[in-house]
N, C-alpha and C. Protein backbone atom coordinates (compact mmCIF):
# COMPACT_ATOMS: atom_id res chain seq x y z
N UNK A 1 -3.12 15.95 -37.92
CA UNK A 1 -3.61 16.46 -36.65
C UNK A 1 -5.09 16.14 -36.52
N UNK A 2 -5.49 15.66 -35.35
CA UNK A 2 -6.88 15.32 -35.11
C UNK A 2 -7.70 16.58 -34.84
N UNK A 3 -8.90 16.59 -35.35
CA UNK A 3 -9.79 17.72 -35.11
C UNK A 3 -10.66 17.40 -33.90
N UNK A 4 -10.67 18.29 -32.92
CA UNK A 4 -11.49 18.12 -31.73
C UNK A 4 -12.56 19.20 -31.72
N UNK A 5 -13.68 18.83 -31.14
CA UNK A 5 -14.75 19.81 -31.02
C UNK A 5 -14.33 20.89 -30.02
N UNK A 6 -14.74 22.09 -30.29
CA UNK A 6 -14.42 23.20 -29.39
C UNK A 6 -15.01 22.95 -28.01
N UNK A 7 -16.21 22.40 -27.96
CA UNK A 7 -16.85 22.16 -26.66
C UNK A 7 -16.04 21.19 -25.81
N UNK A 8 -15.38 20.23 -26.43
CA UNK A 8 -14.55 19.27 -25.69
C UNK A 8 -13.33 19.97 -25.10
N UNK A 9 -12.70 20.82 -25.89
CA UNK A 9 -11.51 21.54 -25.41
C UNK A 9 -11.88 22.52 -24.29
N UNK A 10 -12.98 23.23 -24.46
CA UNK A 10 -13.41 24.19 -23.44
C UNK A 10 -13.83 23.46 -22.17
N UNK A 11 -14.47 22.30 -22.31
CA UNK A 11 -14.87 21.51 -21.14
C UNK A 11 -13.64 21.10 -20.33
N UNK A 12 -12.57 20.73 -21.00
CA UNK A 12 -11.34 20.36 -20.30
C UNK A 12 -10.76 21.57 -19.56
N UNK A 13 -10.80 22.72 -20.20
CA UNK A 13 -10.31 23.94 -19.56
C UNK A 13 -11.16 24.29 -18.34
N UNK A 14 -12.47 24.16 -18.45
CA UNK A 14 -13.37 24.44 -17.34
C UNK A 14 -13.10 23.46 -16.19
N UNK A 15 -12.88 22.21 -16.51
CA UNK A 15 -12.58 21.20 -15.48
C UNK A 15 -11.33 21.61 -14.69
N UNK A 16 -10.29 21.99 -15.39
CA UNK A 16 -9.05 22.38 -14.71
C UNK A 16 -9.25 23.61 -13.82
N UNK A 17 -9.91 24.62 -14.35
CA UNK A 17 -10.08 25.85 -13.60
C UNK A 17 -11.03 25.68 -12.42
N UNK A 18 -12.14 24.94 -12.62
CA UNK A 18 -13.06 24.70 -11.50
C UNK A 18 -12.39 23.90 -10.39
N UNK A 19 -11.54 22.96 -10.77
CA UNK A 19 -10.81 22.18 -9.76
C UNK A 19 -9.95 23.11 -8.90
N UNK A 20 -9.29 24.05 -9.55
CA UNK A 20 -8.45 25.00 -8.81
C UNK A 20 -9.31 25.91 -7.91
N UNK A 21 -10.42 26.39 -8.46
CA UNK A 21 -11.29 27.29 -7.70
C UNK A 21 -11.85 26.59 -6.47
N UNK A 22 -12.34 25.38 -6.63
CA UNK A 22 -12.92 24.63 -5.51
C UNK A 22 -11.85 24.32 -4.46
N UNK A 23 -10.63 24.05 -4.92
CA UNK A 23 -9.53 23.78 -3.99
C UNK A 23 -9.22 25.02 -3.15
N UNK A 24 -9.38 26.20 -3.73
CA UNK A 24 -9.07 27.44 -3.03
C UNK A 24 -10.19 27.90 -2.10
N UNK A 25 -11.37 27.31 -2.21
CA UNK A 25 -12.50 27.72 -1.35
C UNK A 25 -12.22 27.37 0.10
N UNK A 26 -12.63 28.27 0.98
CA UNK A 26 -12.47 28.04 2.42
C UNK A 26 -13.85 27.91 3.05
N UNK A 27 -14.59 26.92 2.62
CA UNK A 27 -15.92 26.68 3.18
C UNK A 27 -15.83 25.52 4.17
N UNK A 28 -16.28 25.71 5.42
CA UNK A 28 -16.16 24.63 6.41
C UNK A 28 -17.04 23.42 6.11
N UNK A 29 -18.17 23.62 5.43
CA UNK A 29 -19.06 22.49 5.14
C UNK A 29 -18.66 21.73 3.89
N UNK A 30 -17.73 22.25 3.13
CA UNK A 30 -17.31 21.61 1.89
C UNK A 30 -16.30 20.52 2.19
N UNK A 31 -16.62 19.29 1.81
CA UNK A 31 -15.71 18.17 2.02
C UNK A 31 -14.60 18.17 1.00
N UNK A 32 -13.91 17.05 0.88
CA UNK A 32 -12.83 16.92 -0.10
C UNK A 32 -13.48 16.62 -1.45
N UNK A 33 -13.68 17.66 -2.26
CA UNK A 33 -14.39 17.57 -3.52
C UNK A 33 -13.39 17.45 -4.66
N UNK A 34 -13.67 16.52 -5.58
CA UNK A 34 -12.88 16.36 -6.78
C UNK A 34 -13.79 16.49 -7.98
N UNK A 35 -13.43 17.37 -8.90
CA UNK A 35 -14.19 17.51 -10.14
C UNK A 35 -13.73 16.39 -11.06
N UNK A 36 -14.66 15.49 -11.42
CA UNK A 36 -14.29 14.31 -12.21
C UNK A 36 -14.55 14.49 -13.70
N UNK A 37 -15.39 15.44 -14.05
CA UNK A 37 -15.66 15.65 -15.47
C UNK A 37 -16.57 16.83 -15.70
N UNK A 38 -16.53 17.32 -16.92
CA UNK A 38 -17.41 18.41 -17.33
C UNK A 38 -17.96 18.06 -18.70
N UNK A 39 -19.27 18.11 -18.82
CA UNK A 39 -19.93 17.87 -20.10
C UNK A 39 -20.56 19.19 -20.52
N UNK A 40 -20.10 19.72 -21.64
CA UNK A 40 -20.50 21.02 -22.09
C UNK A 40 -21.34 20.89 -23.36
N UNK A 41 -22.40 21.68 -23.44
CA UNK A 41 -23.22 21.65 -24.65
C UNK A 41 -22.42 22.25 -25.81
N UNK A 42 -22.81 21.92 -27.03
CA UNK A 42 -22.08 22.41 -28.21
C UNK A 42 -22.13 23.93 -28.33
N UNK A 43 -23.18 24.55 -27.82
CA UNK A 43 -23.27 26.01 -27.89
C UNK A 43 -22.54 26.70 -26.73
N UNK A 44 -21.92 25.93 -25.85
CA UNK A 44 -21.09 26.40 -24.73
C UNK A 44 -21.88 27.21 -23.69
N UNK A 45 -23.17 27.00 -23.60
CA UNK A 45 -23.98 27.77 -22.66
C UNK A 45 -24.29 27.04 -21.36
N UNK A 46 -24.29 25.71 -21.37
CA UNK A 46 -24.58 24.93 -20.17
C UNK A 46 -23.47 23.91 -19.94
N UNK A 47 -23.03 23.81 -18.70
CA UNK A 47 -21.99 22.85 -18.34
C UNK A 47 -22.48 22.00 -17.18
N UNK A 48 -22.48 20.69 -17.37
CA UNK A 48 -22.80 19.77 -16.29
C UNK A 48 -21.46 19.35 -15.68
N UNK A 49 -21.29 19.68 -14.41
CA UNK A 49 -20.03 19.43 -13.72
C UNK A 49 -20.22 18.21 -12.82
N UNK A 50 -19.46 17.16 -13.08
CA UNK A 50 -19.52 15.94 -12.28
C UNK A 50 -18.43 16.02 -11.21
N UNK A 51 -18.81 15.67 -9.99
CA UNK A 51 -17.86 15.75 -8.88
C UNK A 51 -18.05 14.54 -7.96
N UNK A 52 -17.01 14.25 -7.21
CA UNK A 52 -17.11 13.21 -6.19
C UNK A 52 -16.58 13.79 -4.88
N UNK A 53 -17.01 13.19 -3.79
CA UNK A 53 -16.64 13.67 -2.46
C UNK A 53 -16.17 12.47 -1.64
N UNK A 54 -15.07 12.64 -0.96
CA UNK A 54 -14.59 11.59 -0.07
C UNK A 54 -15.17 11.87 1.30
N UNK A 55 -15.85 10.88 1.85
CA UNK A 55 -16.40 11.04 3.18
C UNK A 55 -17.72 10.32 3.34
N UNK A 56 -18.37 10.60 4.44
CA UNK A 56 -19.64 9.96 4.78
C UNK A 56 -20.76 10.55 3.93
N UNK A 57 -21.91 9.88 3.90
CA UNK A 57 -23.05 10.43 3.15
C UNK A 57 -23.47 11.83 3.63
N UNK A 58 -23.25 12.13 4.91
CA UNK A 58 -23.57 13.47 5.42
C UNK A 58 -22.64 14.52 4.81
N UNK A 59 -21.36 14.18 4.70
CA UNK A 59 -20.39 15.10 4.09
C UNK A 59 -20.73 15.31 2.62
N UNK A 60 -21.14 14.24 1.95
CA UNK A 60 -21.53 14.34 0.54
C UNK A 60 -22.73 15.27 0.39
N UNK A 61 -23.71 15.13 1.25
CA UNK A 61 -24.91 15.96 1.16
C UNK A 61 -24.60 17.43 1.46
N UNK A 62 -23.79 17.67 2.48
CA UNK A 62 -23.42 19.06 2.80
C UNK A 62 -22.63 19.69 1.65
N UNK A 63 -21.72 18.92 1.05
CA UNK A 63 -20.93 19.44 -0.07
C UNK A 63 -21.83 19.75 -1.26
N UNK A 64 -22.83 18.92 -1.48
CA UNK A 64 -23.77 19.15 -2.57
C UNK A 64 -24.49 20.48 -2.37
N UNK A 65 -24.95 20.72 -1.15
CA UNK A 65 -25.67 21.96 -0.84
C UNK A 65 -24.75 23.17 -1.03
N UNK A 66 -23.51 23.05 -0.56
CA UNK A 66 -22.57 24.17 -0.68
C UNK A 66 -22.26 24.47 -2.14
N UNK A 67 -22.01 23.44 -2.94
CA UNK A 67 -21.68 23.67 -4.34
C UNK A 67 -22.83 24.30 -5.11
N UNK A 68 -24.03 23.90 -4.80
CA UNK A 68 -25.18 24.44 -5.52
C UNK A 68 -25.53 25.85 -5.05
N UNK A 69 -25.10 26.24 -3.87
CA UNK A 69 -25.45 27.56 -3.36
C UNK A 69 -24.37 28.61 -3.62
N UNK A 70 -23.21 28.19 -4.07
CA UNK A 70 -22.13 29.15 -4.31
C UNK A 70 -22.35 29.79 -5.67
N UNK A 71 -22.73 31.05 -5.66
CA UNK A 71 -22.99 31.76 -6.91
C UNK A 71 -21.74 32.35 -7.53
N UNK A 72 -20.73 32.55 -6.73
CA UNK A 72 -19.55 33.21 -7.29
C UNK A 72 -18.63 32.25 -8.05
N UNK A 73 -18.94 30.96 -8.06
CA UNK A 73 -18.11 30.03 -8.84
C UNK A 73 -18.12 30.39 -10.33
N UNK A 74 -19.30 30.70 -10.83
CA UNK A 74 -19.42 31.07 -12.24
C UNK A 74 -18.67 32.38 -12.51
N UNK A 75 -18.80 33.33 -11.60
CA UNK A 75 -18.11 34.61 -11.75
C UNK A 75 -16.59 34.42 -11.73
N UNK A 76 -16.13 33.61 -10.80
CA UNK A 76 -14.69 33.34 -10.70
C UNK A 76 -14.19 32.61 -11.95
N UNK A 77 -15.00 31.68 -12.44
CA UNK A 77 -14.64 30.98 -13.67
C UNK A 77 -14.56 31.95 -14.84
N UNK A 78 -15.49 32.90 -14.91
CA UNK A 78 -15.50 33.89 -15.99
C UNK A 78 -14.25 34.75 -15.96
N UNK A 79 -13.76 35.05 -14.76
CA UNK A 79 -12.55 35.88 -14.67
C UNK A 79 -11.30 35.12 -15.07
N UNK A 80 -11.33 33.80 -14.97
CA UNK A 80 -10.14 33.00 -15.31
C UNK A 80 -10.15 32.46 -16.74
N UNK A 81 -11.34 32.28 -17.29
CA UNK A 81 -11.46 31.72 -18.64
C UNK A 81 -12.07 32.79 -19.54
N UNK A 82 -11.39 33.09 -20.60
CA UNK A 82 -11.85 34.15 -21.49
C UNK A 82 -12.81 33.59 -22.53
N UNK A 83 -14.10 33.64 -22.21
CA UNK A 83 -15.15 33.21 -23.13
C UNK A 83 -16.14 34.35 -23.31
N UNK A 84 -16.80 34.35 -24.45
CA UNK A 84 -17.81 35.38 -24.68
C UNK A 84 -18.91 35.27 -23.63
N UNK A 85 -19.39 34.05 -23.40
CA UNK A 85 -20.38 33.79 -22.35
C UNK A 85 -19.89 32.64 -21.49
N UNK A 86 -19.97 32.84 -20.22
CA UNK A 86 -19.58 31.77 -19.30
C UNK A 86 -20.77 30.83 -19.14
N UNK A 87 -20.53 29.54 -19.27
CA UNK A 87 -21.66 28.60 -19.19
C UNK A 87 -22.29 28.57 -17.79
N UNK A 88 -23.57 28.24 -17.77
CA UNK A 88 -24.27 28.02 -16.52
C UNK A 88 -23.83 26.67 -15.97
N UNK A 89 -23.49 26.62 -14.69
CA UNK A 89 -22.95 25.40 -14.09
C UNK A 89 -24.05 24.62 -13.38
N UNK A 90 -24.13 23.35 -13.69
CA UNK A 90 -25.04 22.42 -13.03
C UNK A 90 -24.18 21.32 -12.42
N UNK A 91 -24.22 21.21 -11.09
CA UNK A 91 -23.39 20.21 -10.41
C UNK A 91 -24.17 18.91 -10.25
N UNK A 92 -23.48 17.80 -10.57
CA UNK A 92 -24.09 16.48 -10.46
C UNK A 92 -23.10 15.55 -9.77
N UNK A 93 -23.57 14.91 -8.70
CA UNK A 93 -22.71 13.99 -7.95
C UNK A 93 -22.37 12.77 -8.79
N UNK A 94 -21.11 12.40 -8.80
CA UNK A 94 -20.63 11.26 -9.57
C UNK A 94 -20.30 10.12 -8.61
N UNK A 95 -21.14 9.08 -8.61
CA UNK A 95 -20.93 7.96 -7.70
C UNK A 95 -20.28 6.76 -8.38
N UNK A 96 -19.59 7.00 -9.47
CA UNK A 96 -18.94 5.92 -10.21
C UNK A 96 -17.91 5.18 -9.36
N UNK A 97 -17.13 5.92 -8.59
CA UNK A 97 -16.10 5.27 -7.78
C UNK A 97 -16.71 4.38 -6.70
N UNK A 98 -17.84 4.80 -6.14
CA UNK A 98 -18.52 3.97 -5.14
C UNK A 98 -19.06 2.70 -5.77
N UNK A 99 -19.63 2.82 -6.95
CA UNK A 99 -20.13 1.63 -7.66
C UNK A 99 -19.00 0.69 -8.01
N UNK A 100 -17.89 1.24 -8.45
CA UNK A 100 -16.73 0.41 -8.79
C UNK A 100 -16.21 -0.32 -7.55
N UNK A 101 -16.19 0.37 -6.42
CA UNK A 101 -15.73 -0.25 -5.17
C UNK A 101 -16.63 -1.42 -4.79
N UNK A 102 -17.95 -1.26 -4.93
CA UNK A 102 -18.88 -2.33 -4.61
C UNK A 102 -18.68 -3.53 -5.54
N UNK A 103 -18.43 -3.25 -6.81
CA UNK A 103 -18.20 -4.34 -7.77
C UNK A 103 -16.93 -5.11 -7.41
N UNK A 104 -15.86 -4.39 -7.06
CA UNK A 104 -14.61 -5.06 -6.67
C UNK A 104 -14.81 -5.90 -5.40
N UNK A 105 -15.59 -5.39 -4.46
CA UNK A 105 -15.86 -6.16 -3.24
C UNK A 105 -16.63 -7.43 -3.56
N UNK A 106 -17.62 -7.34 -4.46
CA UNK A 106 -18.38 -8.53 -4.86
C UNK A 106 -17.48 -9.54 -5.57
N UNK A 107 -16.62 -9.05 -6.46
CA UNK A 107 -15.71 -9.96 -7.16
C UNK A 107 -14.75 -10.64 -6.20
N UNK A 108 -14.24 -9.90 -5.21
CA UNK A 108 -13.36 -10.51 -4.21
C UNK A 108 -14.10 -11.54 -3.38
N UNK A 109 -15.35 -11.25 -3.04
CA UNK A 109 -16.15 -12.20 -2.27
C UNK A 109 -16.38 -13.48 -3.06
N UNK A 110 -16.68 -13.34 -4.34
CA UNK A 110 -16.88 -14.52 -5.20
C UNK A 110 -15.60 -15.33 -5.29
N UNK A 111 -14.48 -14.65 -5.42
CA UNK A 111 -13.18 -15.33 -5.50
C UNK A 111 -12.89 -16.09 -4.21
N UNK A 112 -13.20 -15.47 -3.06
CA UNK A 112 -12.98 -16.13 -1.78
C UNK A 112 -13.88 -17.36 -1.63
N UNK A 113 -15.11 -17.26 -2.12
CA UNK A 113 -16.02 -18.39 -2.06
C UNK A 113 -15.55 -19.54 -2.94
N UNK A 114 -14.86 -19.22 -4.02
CA UNK A 114 -14.31 -20.27 -4.89
C UNK A 114 -13.12 -20.95 -4.21
N UNK A 115 -12.32 -20.17 -3.51
CA UNK A 115 -11.11 -20.71 -2.88
C UNK A 115 -11.45 -21.53 -1.65
N UNK A 116 -12.38 -21.07 -0.83
CA UNK A 116 -12.69 -21.74 0.43
C UNK A 116 -13.21 -23.16 0.25
N UNK A 117 -14.12 -23.46 -0.70
CA UNK A 117 -14.54 -24.85 -0.88
C UNK A 117 -13.38 -25.76 -1.31
N UNK A 118 -12.45 -25.25 -2.08
CA UNK A 118 -11.28 -26.05 -2.48
C UNK A 118 -10.46 -26.40 -1.26
N UNK A 119 -10.26 -25.43 -0.38
CA UNK A 119 -9.49 -25.68 0.84
C UNK A 119 -10.21 -26.69 1.72
N UNK A 120 -11.53 -26.55 1.82
CA UNK A 120 -12.31 -27.49 2.63
C UNK A 120 -12.20 -28.90 2.06
N UNK A 121 -12.28 -29.04 0.74
CA UNK A 121 -12.15 -30.37 0.12
C UNK A 121 -10.76 -30.94 0.34
N UNK A 122 -9.74 -30.08 0.29
CA UNK A 122 -8.38 -30.56 0.50
C UNK A 122 -8.21 -31.06 1.93
N UNK A 123 -8.82 -30.37 2.90
CA UNK A 123 -8.73 -30.80 4.29
C UNK A 123 -9.42 -32.14 4.48
N UNK A 124 -10.57 -32.31 3.85
CA UNK A 124 -11.32 -33.56 3.97
C UNK A 124 -10.52 -34.71 3.37
N UNK A 125 -9.93 -34.50 2.19
CA UNK A 125 -9.15 -35.57 1.57
C UNK A 125 -7.92 -35.90 2.39
N UNK A 126 -7.29 -34.92 3.04
CA UNK A 126 -6.14 -35.19 3.90
C UNK A 126 -6.55 -36.00 5.12
N UNK A 127 -7.72 -35.69 5.70
CA UNK A 127 -8.20 -36.42 6.86
C UNK A 127 -8.51 -37.86 6.49
N UNK A 128 -9.16 -38.08 5.37
CA UNK A 128 -9.49 -39.44 4.95
C UNK A 128 -8.23 -40.22 4.62
N UNK A 129 -7.23 -39.56 4.06
CA UNK A 129 -5.97 -40.24 3.76
C UNK A 129 -5.27 -40.65 5.05
N UNK A 130 -5.32 -39.80 6.07
CA UNK A 130 -4.72 -40.13 7.35
C UNK A 130 -5.43 -41.31 7.99
N UNK A 131 -6.76 -41.35 7.89
CA UNK A 131 -7.53 -42.46 8.47
C UNK A 131 -7.20 -43.75 7.76
N UNK A 132 -7.06 -43.71 6.44
CA UNK A 132 -6.73 -44.91 5.68
C UNK A 132 -5.35 -45.42 6.06
N UNK A 133 -4.40 -44.49 6.24
CA UNK A 133 -3.05 -44.88 6.63
C UNK A 133 -3.01 -45.42 8.05
N UNK A 134 -3.87 -44.91 8.92
CA UNK A 134 -3.92 -45.37 10.30
C UNK A 134 -4.49 -46.76 10.38
N UNK A 135 -5.43 -47.11 9.52
CA UNK A 135 -6.05 -48.43 9.51
C UNK A 135 -5.08 -49.49 9.03
N UNK A 136 -4.13 -49.13 8.21
CA UNK A 136 -3.18 -50.10 7.65
C UNK A 136 -2.16 -50.47 8.62
């Protein structure tokens, strides 16, 4: 059996419970928020919560403000998770998916640029072949 750090196991539990709590919130300014990860200190006192938001930059900013201003998230987490001390929550926006999307777009653009010159060369060679056949 593999030995896992307690902080890793508790972080996973916090991720699951915070996801449920945020899903149950009825805040009009809160966009579609997904908790993507939790990094917990070894002493279990501080938790950095990574989240992503689907929507425009305005929705992302409003969701950031709402998440940082909701004080009862920690209290609700404490009632669901039985720990001696509930960690202090620090929310950090996770833009990994946006960066990945930009990388995929760049790779697709590069691929298209590789394909288009080949097609252009093929068209040119077909035209020259037709001209040569017409001259004969």
